[in-house]
Amino acid sequence: METDGKNKSKRDILKDIDPSDALYILKVLMEEDKKFEDKIYQIAVKMLSEVDSDDIAVEVYNELDRLEVEELWDRSGKTRYGYVEPSEEAWVMFEEVLKPFVEEMKKYQKLIMFMEAKNYCIGIIKGIQEYEQESKSEFKDWAIDVPAEYIVRIMDEWMKGNPDSKDIAEVEEIARSYTEFN
């Protein structure tokens, strides 16, 4: 096995690179050889195409269920700048947890991967619904209307991607099955 001057093997170096180094290396490979660009594209499309709404729902549920009522109390109430209503801060915290999921859904829309965006939307909705129905979190008591209202928000955001009427009907039915979506 080849080593550099510091007796570090190629494999050790490759294991120790961070994500930004890996991205730089991929970009260099793509510029140097069209075959690498095509292969990287194929891998990316395959990876991005594997959106399982049930997996997303589990992730959403788990992240929401980690919200702690103690953190809500720490972030709300009387502050040096006035008063922060706990129910308003609960909304903010809920939104902070879901922001990465919404951004991922938007990424799929931007990439014109509409089926994947729809599946991501469905996963977010199902995760919120499961949280609303199953979670025993004390935090949930401070965010009573937030899950249902946020589902409407998720739907509105997803519809900005101009889904077709069949997909809209499917997602609305999923949302309607747990909430009063109109």
N, C-alpha and C. Protein backbone atom coordinates (compact mmCIF):
# COMPACT_ATOMS: atom_id res chain seq x y z
N MET A 1 0.84 -1.17 0.00
CA MET A 1 0.00 0.00 0.00
C MET A 1 0.89 1.24 0.00
N GLU A 2 0.56 2.21 -0.86
CA GLU A 2 1.36 3.43 -0.93
C GLU A 2 1.10 4.30 0.27
N THR A 3 2.17 4.97 0.72
CA THR A 3 2.02 5.92 1.82
C THR A 3 2.70 7.20 1.46
N ASP A 4 2.27 8.29 2.12
CA ASP A 4 2.95 9.55 1.90
C ASP A 4 4.12 9.65 2.87
N GLY A 5 4.74 10.80 2.94
CA GLY A 5 5.90 11.00 3.79
C GLY A 5 5.61 10.80 5.25
N LYS A 6 4.38 10.88 5.67
CA LYS A 6 4.04 10.74 7.08
C LYS A 6 3.46 9.36 7.38
N ASN A 7 3.70 8.40 6.48
CA ASN A 7 3.22 7.03 6.64
C ASN A 7 1.70 6.92 6.77
N LYS A 8 0.99 7.78 6.11
CA LYS A 8 -0.47 7.72 6.09
C LYS A 8 -0.87 7.09 4.76
N SER A 9 -1.66 6.05 4.79
CA SER A 9 -2.05 5.36 3.57
C SER A 9 -3.10 6.17 2.81
N LYS A 10 -3.26 5.84 1.53
CA LYS A 10 -4.29 6.47 0.72
C LYS A 10 -5.66 6.27 1.35
N ARG A 11 -5.91 5.06 1.79
CA ARG A 11 -7.21 4.74 2.39
C ARG A 11 -7.45 5.59 3.64
N ASP A 12 -6.42 5.78 4.48
CA ASP A 12 -6.56 6.60 5.68
C ASP A 12 -6.89 8.05 5.32
N ILE A 13 -6.24 8.56 4.31
CA ILE A 13 -6.48 9.93 3.89
C ILE A 13 -7.91 10.07 3.37
N LEU A 14 -8.34 9.11 2.56
CA LEU A 14 -9.69 9.18 2.01
C LEU A 14 -10.75 9.06 3.11
N LYS A 15 -10.48 8.27 4.16
CA LYS A 15 -11.43 8.15 5.26
C LYS A 15 -11.51 9.43 6.08
N ASP A 16 -10.45 10.22 6.08
CA ASP A 16 -10.39 11.41 6.93
C ASP A 16 -10.83 12.70 6.26
N ILE A 17 -11.18 12.66 4.98
CA ILE A 17 -11.60 13.92 4.35
C ILE A 17 -12.99 14.30 4.84
N ASP A 18 -13.22 15.60 4.93
CA ASP A 18 -14.53 16.05 5.39
C ASP A 18 -15.44 16.32 4.19
N PRO A 19 -16.72 16.59 4.42
CA PRO A 19 -17.66 16.78 3.31
C PRO A 19 -17.27 17.88 2.33
N SER A 20 -16.71 18.97 2.82
CA SER A 20 -16.33 20.05 1.89
C SER A 20 -15.16 19.61 1.01
N ASP A 21 -14.23 18.83 1.57
CA ASP A 21 -13.13 18.30 0.77
C ASP A 21 -13.66 17.34 -0.30
N ALA A 22 -14.60 16.49 0.11
CA ALA A 22 -15.18 15.52 -0.83
C ALA A 22 -15.90 16.23 -1.97
N LEU A 23 -16.63 17.28 -1.65
CA LEU A 23 -17.34 18.04 -2.68
C LEU A 23 -16.34 18.67 -3.65
N TYR A 24 -15.28 19.22 -3.13
CA TYR A 24 -14.24 19.82 -3.99
C TYR A 24 -13.65 18.76 -4.92
N ILE A 25 -13.35 17.59 -4.38
CA ILE A 25 -12.77 16.51 -5.17
C ILE A 25 -13.75 16.08 -6.27
N LEU A 26 -15.04 15.96 -5.94
CA LEU A 26 -16.04 15.60 -6.95
C LEU A 26 -16.09 16.63 -8.07
N LYS A 27 -16.04 17.90 -7.70
CA LYS A 27 -16.10 18.95 -8.71
C LYS A 27 -14.87 18.91 -9.63
N VAL A 28 -13.72 18.65 -9.07
CA VAL A 28 -12.51 18.53 -9.88
C VAL A 28 -12.63 17.35 -10.84
N LEU A 29 -13.09 16.21 -10.33
CA LEU A 29 -13.26 15.02 -11.17
C LEU A 29 -14.25 15.30 -12.32
N MET A 30 -15.34 16.00 -12.01
CA MET A 30 -16.34 16.30 -13.05
C MET A 30 -15.75 17.20 -14.12
N GLU A 31 -14.93 18.15 -13.73
CA GLU A 31 -14.32 19.05 -14.71
C GLU A 31 -13.28 18.34 -15.56
N GLU A 32 -12.60 17.37 -14.99
CA GLU A 32 -11.52 16.70 -15.70
C GLU A 32 -12.00 15.61 -16.65
N ASP A 33 -13.12 14.98 -16.36
CA ASP A 33 -13.54 13.84 -17.16
C ASP A 33 -15.07 13.75 -17.20
N LYS A 34 -15.63 13.81 -18.38
CA LYS A 34 -17.08 13.76 -18.57
C LYS A 34 -17.68 12.45 -18.04
N LYS A 35 -16.92 11.36 -18.11
CA LYS A 35 -17.41 10.07 -17.60
C LYS A 35 -17.71 10.17 -16.11
N PHE A 36 -16.84 10.86 -15.36
CA PHE A 36 -17.07 11.03 -13.93
C PHE A 36 -18.32 11.87 -13.68
N GLU A 37 -18.50 12.92 -14.48
CA GLU A 37 -19.68 13.77 -14.33
C GLU A 37 -20.96 12.95 -14.55
N ASP A 38 -20.97 12.14 -15.60
CA ASP A 38 -22.14 11.30 -15.88
C ASP A 38 -22.41 10.31 -14.75
N LYS A 39 -21.35 9.68 -14.26
CA LYS A 39 -21.49 8.69 -13.18
C LYS A 39 -21.97 9.37 -11.90
N ILE A 40 -21.41 10.51 -11.56
CA ILE A 40 -21.82 11.25 -10.36
C ILE A 40 -23.28 11.65 -10.48
N TYR A 41 -23.68 12.09 -11.66
CA TYR A 41 -25.08 12.47 -11.90
C TYR A 41 -26.00 11.27 -11.68
N GLN A 42 -25.63 10.12 -12.24
CA GLN A 42 -26.45 8.91 -12.09
C GLN A 42 -26.60 8.52 -10.62
N ILE A 43 -25.50 8.59 -9.87
CA ILE A 43 -25.54 8.25 -8.44
C ILE A 43 -26.41 9.25 -7.69
N ALA A 44 -26.28 10.53 -8.01
CA ALA A 44 -27.07 11.57 -7.34
C ALA A 44 -28.56 11.39 -7.60
N VAL A 45 -28.91 11.13 -8.84
CA VAL A 45 -30.33 10.95 -9.18
C VAL A 45 -30.88 9.71 -8.46
N LYS A 46 -30.12 8.63 -8.45
CA LYS A 46 -30.56 7.42 -7.77
C LYS A 46 -30.74 7.69 -6.28
N MET A 47 -29.79 8.35 -5.67
CA MET A 47 -29.85 8.65 -4.25
C MET A 47 -31.04 9.56 -3.93
N LEU A 48 -31.22 10.60 -4.71
CA LEU A 48 -32.29 11.56 -4.47
C LEU A 48 -33.66 10.98 -4.77
N SER A 49 -33.73 9.97 -5.60
CA SER A 49 -35.01 9.38 -5.99
C SER A 49 -35.58 8.45 -4.92
N GLU A 50 -34.80 8.12 -3.94
CA GLU A 50 -35.23 7.17 -2.92
C GLU A 50 -35.85 7.90 -1.73
N VAL A 51 -37.01 8.53 -1.95
CA VAL A 51 -37.72 9.25 -0.90
C VAL A 51 -38.87 8.37 -0.43
N ASP A 52 -38.80 7.95 0.80
CA ASP A 52 -39.83 7.11 1.39
C ASP A 52 -40.61 7.95 2.40
N SER A 53 -41.87 8.21 2.11
CA SER A 53 -42.66 9.09 2.98
C SER A 53 -42.77 8.53 4.40
N ASP A 54 -42.78 7.22 4.55
CA ASP A 54 -42.86 6.63 5.89
C ASP A 54 -41.58 6.89 6.68
N ASP A 55 -40.43 6.81 6.02
CA ASP A 55 -39.16 7.13 6.69
C ASP A 55 -39.13 8.60 7.11
N ILE A 56 -39.59 9.48 6.22
CA ILE A 56 -39.63 10.91 6.53
C ILE A 56 -40.56 11.14 7.72
N ALA A 57 -41.72 10.47 7.72
CA ALA A 57 -42.68 10.62 8.82
C ALA A 57 -42.06 10.24 10.16
N VAL A 58 -41.31 9.17 10.18
CA VAL A 58 -40.65 8.73 11.42
C VAL A 58 -39.65 9.80 11.87
N GLU A 59 -38.86 10.31 10.94
CA GLU A 59 -37.89 11.36 11.29
C GLU A 59 -38.58 12.60 11.83
N VAL A 60 -39.65 13.04 11.16
CA VAL A 60 -40.40 14.22 11.61
C VAL A 60 -40.96 13.98 13.01
N TYR A 61 -41.61 12.85 13.20
CA TYR A 61 -42.17 12.53 14.51
C TYR A 61 -41.09 12.57 15.59
N ASN A 62 -39.97 11.91 15.34
CA ASN A 62 -38.90 11.85 16.34
C ASN A 62 -38.36 13.24 16.67
N GLU A 63 -38.17 14.06 15.66
CA GLU A 63 -37.66 15.41 15.91
C GLU A 63 -38.66 16.24 16.71
N LEU A 64 -39.94 16.15 16.37
CA LEU A 64 -40.96 16.89 17.11
C LEU A 64 -41.08 16.37 18.54
N ASP A 65 -40.99 15.07 18.70
CA ASP A 65 -41.14 14.48 20.02
C ASP A 65 -39.98 14.83 20.95
N ARG A 66 -38.87 15.28 20.38
CA ARG A 66 -37.72 15.70 21.19
C ARG A 66 -37.88 17.11 21.76
N LEU A 67 -38.88 17.84 21.28
CA LEU A 67 -39.10 19.19 21.81
C LEU A 67 -39.41 19.10 23.30
N GLU A 68 -38.69 19.88 24.09
CA GLU A 68 -38.83 19.82 25.54
C GLU A 68 -39.60 21.03 26.05
N VAL A 69 -40.55 20.79 26.92
CA VAL A 69 -41.34 21.87 27.49
C VAL A 69 -40.44 22.80 28.32
N GLU A 70 -39.39 22.25 28.93
CA GLU A 70 -38.48 23.08 29.72
C GLU A 70 -37.78 24.12 28.84
N GLU A 71 -37.42 23.73 27.62
CA GLU A 71 -36.82 24.70 26.71
C GLU A 71 -37.83 25.78 26.33
N LEU A 72 -39.07 25.38 26.15
CA LEU A 72 -40.12 26.36 25.87
C LEU A 72 -40.22 27.36 27.01
N TRP A 73 -40.22 26.87 28.23
CA TRP A 73 -40.31 27.76 29.39
C TRP A 73 -39.11 28.69 29.46
N ASP A 74 -37.92 28.15 29.12
CA ASP A 74 -36.71 28.98 29.12
C ASP A 74 -36.78 30.08 28.07
N ARG A 75 -37.42 29.79 26.95
CA ARG A 75 -37.46 30.74 25.83
C ARG A 75 -38.67 31.67 25.86
N SER A 76 -39.58 31.47 26.79
CA SER A 76 -40.78 32.29 26.83
C SER A 76 -40.93 32.94 28.21
N GLY A 77 -41.99 33.75 28.32
CA GLY A 77 -42.24 34.45 29.58
C GLY A 77 -41.61 35.83 29.55
N LYS A 78 -41.38 36.35 30.73
CA LYS A 78 -40.82 37.70 30.86
C LYS A 78 -39.35 37.71 30.44
N THR A 79 -39.01 38.66 29.59
CA THR A 79 -37.62 38.85 29.18
C THR A 79 -37.26 40.31 29.37
N ARG A 80 -36.02 40.66 29.17
CA ARG A 80 -35.62 42.07 29.29
C ARG A 80 -36.24 42.92 28.18
N TYR A 81 -36.73 42.28 27.13
CA TYR A 81 -37.32 43.01 26.01
C TYR A 81 -38.85 43.00 26.03
N GLY A 82 -39.43 42.42 27.06
CA GLY A 82 -40.88 42.35 27.13
C GLY A 82 -41.32 40.96 27.53
N TYR A 83 -42.40 40.52 26.95
CA TYR A 83 -42.98 39.21 27.30
C TYR A 83 -43.12 38.37 26.03
N VAL A 84 -42.69 37.12 26.11
CA VAL A 84 -42.83 36.18 25.00
C VAL A 84 -43.90 35.17 25.41
N GLU A 85 -44.98 35.17 24.65
CA GLU A 85 -46.09 34.26 24.90
C GLU A 85 -45.65 32.82 24.65
N PRO A 86 -45.84 31.90 25.61
CA PRO A 86 -45.41 30.51 25.42
C PRO A 86 -46.00 29.86 24.17
N SER A 87 -47.26 30.12 23.88
CA SER A 87 -47.87 29.49 22.71
C SER A 87 -47.23 30.01 21.41
N GLU A 88 -46.83 31.27 21.41
CA GLU A 88 -46.14 31.81 20.23
C GLU A 88 -44.74 31.22 20.09
N GLU A 89 -44.07 31.06 21.21
CA GLU A 89 -42.73 30.47 21.17
C GLU A 89 -42.82 28.98 20.80
N ALA A 90 -43.89 28.32 21.21
CA ALA A 90 -44.08 26.92 20.82
C ALA A 90 -44.17 26.82 19.30
N TRP A 91 -44.88 27.77 18.67
CA TRP A 91 -44.98 27.80 17.22
C TRP A 91 -43.57 27.95 16.61
N VAL A 92 -42.79 28.88 17.16
CA VAL A 92 -41.44 29.12 16.65
C VAL A 92 -40.59 27.85 16.76
N MET A 93 -40.66 27.19 17.90
CA MET A 93 -39.86 25.98 18.10
C MET A 93 -40.31 24.87 17.16
N PHE A 94 -41.60 24.73 16.98
CA PHE A 94 -42.16 23.73 16.07
C PHE A 94 -41.63 23.99 14.65
N GLU A 95 -41.70 25.25 14.26
CA GLU A 95 -41.24 25.64 12.93
C GLU A 95 -39.74 25.40 12.75
N GLU A 96 -38.95 25.68 13.79
CA GLU A 96 -37.50 25.45 13.72
C GLU A 96 -37.19 23.98 13.46
N VAL A 97 -37.93 23.09 14.10
CA VAL A 97 -37.71 21.66 13.91
C VAL A 97 -38.05 21.24 12.48
N LEU A 98 -39.12 21.81 11.94
CA LEU A 98 -39.58 21.38 10.61
C LEU A 98 -38.89 22.08 9.46
N LYS A 99 -38.20 23.17 9.72
CA LYS A 99 -37.57 23.93 8.65
C LYS A 99 -36.66 23.08 7.75
N PRO A 100 -35.78 22.25 8.29
CA PRO A 100 -34.93 21.44 7.40
C PRO A 100 -35.74 20.50 6.50
N PHE A 101 -36.84 19.99 7.00
CA PHE A 101 -37.68 19.09 6.20
C PHE A 101 -38.35 19.87 5.07
N VAL A 102 -38.83 21.06 5.38
CA VAL A 102 -39.47 21.90 4.36
C VAL A 102 -38.44 22.30 3.30
N GLU A 103 -37.24 22.63 3.73
CA GLU A 103 -36.18 23.01 2.78
C GLU A 103 -35.84 21.84 1.86
N GLU A 104 -35.84 20.64 2.41
CA GLU A 104 -35.56 19.45 1.59
C GLU A 104 -36.67 19.26 0.55
N MET A 105 -37.91 19.44 0.96
CA MET A 105 -39.03 19.33 0.03
C MET A 105 -38.88 20.36 -1.09
N LYS A 106 -38.52 21.58 -0.73
CA LYS A 106 -38.34 22.64 -1.73
C LYS A 106 -37.19 22.30 -2.67
N LYS A 107 -36.15 21.65 -2.14
CA LYS A 107 -35.03 21.25 -2.99
C LYS A 107 -35.51 20.32 -4.09
N TYR A 108 -36.35 19.38 -3.75
CA TYR A 108 -36.88 18.45 -4.75
C TYR A 108 -37.71 19.19 -5.79
N GLN A 109 -38.47 20.18 -5.36
CA GLN A 109 -39.25 20.97 -6.31
C GLN A 109 -38.31 21.72 -7.25
N LYS A 110 -37.28 22.31 -6.69
CA LYS A 110 -36.31 23.07 -7.50
C LYS A 110 -35.62 22.16 -8.52
N LEU A 111 -35.38 20.92 -8.14
CA LEU A 111 -34.72 19.95 -9.02
C LEU A 111 -35.70 19.31 -10.01
N ILE A 112 -36.94 19.77 -9.98
CA ILE A 112 -38.00 19.26 -10.85
C ILE A 112 -38.19 17.75 -10.62
N MET A 113 -38.12 17.37 -9.36
CA MET A 113 -38.37 15.99 -8.94
C MET A 113 -39.69 16.00 -8.17
N PHE A 114 -40.78 16.14 -8.93
CA PHE A 114 -42.09 16.39 -8.34
C PHE A 114 -42.63 15.22 -7.53
N MET A 115 -42.39 14.00 -7.98
CA MET A 115 -42.85 12.83 -7.23
C MET A 115 -42.15 12.77 -5.87
N GLU A 116 -40.86 13.04 -5.88
CA GLU A 116 -40.10 13.01 -4.63
C GLU A 116 -40.55 14.14 -3.70
N ALA A 117 -40.83 15.32 -4.26
CA ALA A 117 -41.33 16.44 -3.46
C ALA A 117 -42.67 16.07 -2.83
N LYS A 118 -43.52 15.44 -3.60
CA LYS A 118 -44.83 15.00 -3.08
C LYS A 118 -44.63 14.00 -1.95
N ASN A 119 -43.76 13.02 -2.15
CA ASN A 119 -43.51 12.03 -1.11
C ASN A 119 -42.93 12.67 0.15
N TYR A 120 -42.08 13.65 -0.04
CA TYR A 120 -41.52 14.35 1.10
C TYR A 120 -42.61 15.11 1.85
N CYS A 121 -43.49 15.77 1.10
CA CYS A 121 -44.62 16.49 1.69
C CYS A 121 -45.50 15.52 2.48
N ILE A 122 -45.82 14.40 1.90
CA ILE A 122 -46.64 13.39 2.57
C ILE A 122 -45.96 12.92 3.86
N GLY A 123 -44.66 12.70 3.79
CA GLY A 123 -43.92 12.28 4.98
C GLY A 123 -43.97 13.31 6.10
N ILE A 124 -43.82 14.58 5.74
CA ILE A 124 -43.90 15.64 6.75
C ILE A 124 -45.28 15.65 7.38
N ILE A 125 -46.30 15.60 6.55
CA ILE A 125 -47.69 15.62 7.05
C ILE A 125 -47.95 14.43 7.97
N LYS A 126 -47.56 13.25 7.53
CA LYS A 126 -47.80 12.05 8.35
C LYS A 126 -47.03 12.13 9.68
N GLY A 127 -45.82 12.66 9.64
CA GLY A 127 -45.05 12.80 10.88
C GLY A 127 -45.70 13.76 11.85
N ILE A 128 -46.21 14.87 11.34
CA ILE A 128 -46.92 15.83 12.19
C ILE A 128 -48.18 15.20 12.76
N GLN A 129 -48.90 14.49 11.91
CA GLN A 129 -50.14 13.84 12.35
C GLN A 129 -49.86 12.81 13.45
N GLU A 130 -48.83 12.03 13.26
CA GLU A 130 -48.47 11.03 14.26
C GLU A 130 -48.09 11.71 15.57
N TYR A 131 -47.33 12.78 15.47
CA TYR A 131 -46.95 13.54 16.67
C TYR A 131 -48.20 14.04 17.39
N GLU A 132 -49.11 14.61 16.64
CA GLU A 132 -50.33 15.17 17.22
C GLU A 132 -51.16 14.08 17.91
N GLN A 133 -51.18 12.90 17.35
CA GLN A 133 -52.03 11.83 17.88
C GLN A 133 -51.35 10.97 18.95
N GLU A 134 -50.04 10.76 18.80
CA GLU A 134 -49.37 9.76 19.63
C GLU A 134 -48.43 10.30 20.69
N SER A 135 -47.87 11.47 20.49
CA SER A 135 -46.84 11.97 21.40
C SER A 135 -47.41 12.23 22.79
N LYS A 136 -46.65 11.90 23.78
CA LYS A 136 -47.00 12.17 25.18
C LYS A 136 -46.23 13.38 25.70
N SER A 137 -45.57 14.10 24.82
CA SER A 137 -44.74 15.24 25.19
C SER A 137 -45.55 16.34 25.86
N GLU A 138 -45.02 16.89 26.94
CA GLU A 138 -45.67 18.03 27.59
C GLU A 138 -45.64 19.26 26.68
N PHE A 139 -44.64 19.33 25.83
CA PHE A 139 -44.53 20.47 24.90
C PHE A 139 -45.80 20.57 24.07
N LYS A 140 -46.33 19.46 23.66
CA LYS A 140 -47.50 19.43 22.79
C LYS A 140 -48.68 20.17 23.40
N ASP A 141 -48.78 20.17 24.72
CA ASP A 141 -49.88 20.87 25.39
C ASP A 141 -49.81 22.38 25.19
N TRP A 142 -48.64 22.89 24.86
CA TRP A 142 -48.45 24.33 24.64
C TRP A 142 -48.59 24.70 23.17
N ALA A 143 -48.73 23.69 22.33
CA ALA A 143 -48.80 23.92 20.88
C ALA A 143 -50.04 23.22 20.31
N ILE A 144 -51.16 23.44 20.95
CA ILE A 144 -52.37 22.68 20.63
C ILE A 144 -52.79 22.81 19.17
N ASP A 145 -52.84 24.01 18.65
CA ASP A 145 -53.30 24.22 17.27
C ASP A 145 -52.18 24.17 16.24
N VAL A 146 -50.95 24.13 16.70
CA VAL A 146 -49.82 24.25 15.78
C VAL A 146 -49.76 23.11 14.76
N PRO A 147 -49.88 21.84 15.15
CA PRO A 147 -49.76 20.78 14.14
C PRO A 147 -50.75 20.91 12.98
N ALA A 148 -52.02 21.11 13.28
CA ALA A 148 -53.01 21.22 12.20
C ALA A 148 -52.75 22.44 11.33
N GLU A 149 -52.41 23.56 11.95
CA GLU A 149 -52.12 24.76 11.17
C GLU A 149 -50.87 24.60 10.34
N TYR A 150 -49.89 23.88 10.88
CA TYR A 150 -48.64 23.71 10.14
C TYR A 150 -48.82 22.77 8.96
N ILE A 151 -49.72 21.82 9.07
CA ILE A 151 -50.01 20.94 7.93
C ILE A 151 -50.54 21.78 6.76
N VAL A 152 -51.41 22.73 7.06
CA VAL A 152 -51.91 23.62 6.01
C VAL A 152 -50.76 24.40 5.40
N ARG A 153 -49.86 24.86 6.25
CA ARG A 153 -48.69 25.60 5.75
C ARG A 153 -47.82 24.74 4.84
N ILE A 154 -47.60 23.51 5.24
CA ILE A 154 -46.80 22.57 4.44
C ILE A 154 -47.46 22.38 3.08
N MET A 155 -48.76 22.17 3.09
CA MET A 155 -49.50 22.00 1.83
C MET A 155 -49.36 23.23 0.95
N ASP A 156 -49.52 24.41 1.53
CA ASP A 156 -49.40 25.65 0.76
C ASP A 156 -48.01 25.75 0.14
N GLU A 157 -47.00 25.42 0.91
CA GLU A 157 -45.62 25.50 0.41
C GLU A 157 -45.40 24.50 -0.72
N TRP A 158 -45.91 23.30 -0.55
CA TRP A 158 -45.76 22.27 -1.58
C TRP A 158 -46.49 22.67 -2.86
N MET A 159 -47.66 23.27 -2.72
CA MET A 159 -48.44 23.65 -3.90
C MET A 159 -47.78 24.77 -4.70
N LYS A 160 -46.84 25.48 -4.11
CA LYS A 160 -46.10 26.49 -4.86
C LYS A 160 -45.28 25.85 -5.98
N GLY A 161 -45.04 24.54 -5.87
CA GLY A 161 -44.32 23.80 -6.91
C GLY A 161 -45.21 23.38 -8.06
N ASN A 162 -46.47 23.84 -8.07
CA ASN A 162 -47.43 23.56 -9.14
C ASN A 162 -47.63 22.07 -9.41
N PRO A 163 -47.99 21.31 -8.38
CA PRO A 163 -48.27 19.89 -8.61
C PRO A 163 -49.53 19.72 -9.44
N ASP A 164 -49.67 18.56 -10.06
CA ASP A 164 -50.88 18.33 -10.86
C ASP A 164 -52.07 18.02 -9.94
N SER A 165 -53.25 18.09 -10.50
CA SER A 165 -54.48 17.96 -9.70
C SER A 165 -54.60 16.58 -9.04
N LYS A 166 -54.10 15.54 -9.68
CA LYS A 166 -54.15 14.20 -9.10
C LYS A 166 -53.29 14.13 -7.84
N ASP A 167 -52.10 14.72 -7.90
CA ASP A 167 -51.22 14.73 -6.74
C ASP A 167 -51.81 15.58 -5.61
N ILE A 168 -52.41 16.71 -5.98
CA ILE A 168 -53.04 17.57 -4.97
C ILE A 168 -54.14 16.79 -4.25
N ALA A 169 -54.97 16.11 -5.01
CA ALA A 169 -56.07 15.33 -4.41
C ALA A 169 -55.52 14.26 -3.47
N GLU A 170 -54.44 13.60 -3.86
CA GLU A 170 -53.84 12.56 -3.03
C GLU A 170 -53.32 13.13 -1.71
N VAL A 171 -52.60 14.22 -1.79
CA VAL A 171 -52.04 14.83 -0.58
C VAL A 171 -53.14 15.40 0.30
N GLU A 172 -54.12 16.03 -0.31
CA GLU A 172 -55.25 16.56 0.47
C GLU A 172 -55.98 15.45 1.20
N GLU A 173 -56.14 14.31 0.56
CA GLU A 173 -56.82 13.18 1.20
C GLU A 173 -56.03 12.70 2.41
N ILE A 174 -54.73 12.65 2.30
CA ILE A 174 -53.89 12.24 3.43
C ILE A 174 -54.02 13.25 4.56
N ALA A 175 -53.98 14.52 4.22
CA ALA A 175 -54.12 15.57 5.23
C ALA A 175 -55.52 15.53 5.85
N ARG A 176 -56.51 15.32 5.04
CA ARG A 176 -57.90 15.30 5.50
C ARG A 176 -58.18 14.11 6.39
N SER A 177 -57.46 13.02 6.16
CA SER A 177 -57.73 11.82 6.95
C SER A 177 -57.42 12.02 8.43
N TYR A 178 -56.64 13.02 8.78
CA TYR A 178 -56.28 13.28 10.17
C TYR A 178 -56.76 14.64 10.67
N THR A 179 -56.96 15.58 9.76
CA THR A 179 -57.31 16.93 10.17
C THR A 179 -58.50 17.40 9.38
N GLU A 180 -58.99 18.52 9.73
CA GLU A 180 -60.08 19.13 8.97
C GLU A 180 -59.47 20.12 7.99
N PHE A 181 -58.97 19.58 6.88
CA PHE A 181 -58.32 20.41 5.88
C PHE A 181 -59.35 20.84 4.84
N ASN A 182 -59.55 22.15 4.68
CA ASN A 182 -60.47 22.69 3.68
C ASN A 182 -59.85 23.88 3.00
